[in-house]
Protein backbone atom coordinates (compact mmCIF):
# COMPACT_ATOMS: atom_id res chain seq x y z
CA UNK A 1 0.37 0.53 0.39
CA UNK A 2 1.70 2.98 -0.61
CA UNK A 3 1.64 6.13 1.78
CA UNK A 4 -1.31 8.31 1.05
CA UNK A 5 -3.71 4.85 0.48
CA UNK A 6 -2.13 4.13 4.08
CA UNK A 7 -2.55 7.46 5.98
CA UNK A 8 -6.45 7.49 3.95
CA UNK A 9 -6.76 3.70 4.73
CA UNK A 10 -6.36 4.59 9.17
CA UNK A 11 -6.85 8.38 8.93
CA UNK A 12 -10.72 6.08 7.99
CA UNK A 13 -10.44 3.71 11.37
CA UNK A 14 -9.85 7.56 13.40
CA UNK A 15 -7.03 7.41 14.40
CA UNK A 16 -4.47 10.20 15.94
CA UNK A 17 -2.57 12.27 14.17
CA UNK A 18 0.21 10.78 16.29
CA UNK A 19 -0.75 7.41 15.79
CA UNK A 20 -0.98 8.12 11.97
CA UNK A 21 2.57 9.50 11.69
CA UNK A 22 4.05 6.86 13.43
CA UNK A 23 2.10 3.73 11.69
CA UNK A 24 3.40 5.48 7.52
CA UNK A 25 7.01 6.87 9.51
CA UNK A 26 6.56 10.24 8.22
CA UNK A 27 7.51 13.15 11.36
CA UNK A 28 4.34 13.97 13.46
CA UNK A 29 5.12 18.19 12.84
CA UNK A 30 5.85 17.35 9.54
CA UNK A 31 2.27 15.23 9.22
CA UNK A 32 -0.07 18.41 11.10
CA UNK A 33 1.82 21.03 9.06
CA UNK A 34 0.35 19.61 6.42
CA UNK A 35 -2.25 18.52 7.01
CA UNK A 36 -3.11 22.10 8.96
CA UNK A 37 -2.68 23.94 5.54
CA UNK A 38 -5.53 21.23 3.79
CA UNK A 39 -3.64 21.42 0.07
CA UNK A 40 -1.06 18.45 0.11
CA UNK A 41 -1.59 15.63 -0.77
CA UNK A 42 -1.06 14.05 2.47
CA UNK A 43 -3.90 16.69 4.10
CA UNK A 44 -6.33 14.87 1.15
CA UNK A 45 -5.55 11.18 1.88
CA UNK A 46 -6.01 12.03 5.77
CA UNK A 47 -9.28 14.10 4.95
CA UNK A 48 -10.09 12.09 2.31
CA UNK A 49 -10.08 8.73 4.82
CA UNK A 50 -11.97 11.18 7.85
CA UNK A 51 -14.69 11.68 5.42
CA UNK A 52 -14.74 8.39 3.59
CA UNK A 53 -16.19 7.15 7.76
CA UNK A 54 -18.43 10.30 8.53
CA UNK A 55 -20.66 9.12 5.41
CA UNK A 56 -20.85 5.66 6.10
CA UNK A 57 -21.49 6.50 9.89
CA UNK A 58 -24.53 8.71 7.82
CA UNK A 59 -25.74 7.11 5.27
CA UNK A 60 -26.54 4.63 8.99
CA UNK A 61 -27.45 6.89 11.01
CA UNK A 62 -30.16 8.17 8.10
CA UNK A 63 -31.69 4.24 7.77
CA UNK A 64 -31.65 3.94 11.44
CA UNK A 65 -33.87 7.38 11.24
CA UNK A 66 -35.68 6.41 8.40
CA UNK A 67 -36.70 2.90 10.71
CA UNK A 68 -37.99 5.37 12.94
CA UNK A 69 -34.44 5.34 15.73
CA UNK A 70 -35.66 8.94 18.16
CA UNK A 71 -31.62 9.22 18.55
CA UNK A 72 -31.43 8.65 14.91
CA UNK A 73 -33.35 11.05 13.77
CA UNK A 74 -32.26 13.22 16.47
CA UNK A 75 -28.44 13.57 15.28
CA UNK A 76 -29.68 13.49 11.48
CA UNK A 77 -31.47 16.88 12.34
CA UNK A 78 -28.79 17.56 14.26
CA UNK A 79 -26.49 17.19 10.87
CA UNK A 80 -28.90 19.07 9.04
CA UNK A 81 -28.37 22.06 10.83
CA UNK A 82 -24.86 22.40 10.46
CA UNK A 83 -25.55 21.83 6.66
CA UNK A 84 -26.85 24.78 6.67
CA UNK A 85 -25.30 27.14 8.89
CA UNK A 86 -22.38 26.64 6.71
CA UNK A 87 -24.83 27.49 2.95
């Protein structure tokens, strides 16, 4: 697995930046700086991984909300509010 794929995979598991840096043999301060900048390929892989899992989780929460889960309905409402405030 190449470095970017590995960063994306580990970020999708919500590992910490410290853990990802260690596993990928990248200086932690360097990876943190790149993530803060949000423009490097490493940063994009990191955010892509996080978002990939976030999407999967939200799909599951939506399914539960449609099935009538009160907690999932509350969460979906919060997600909608968050989305509206970011427009």
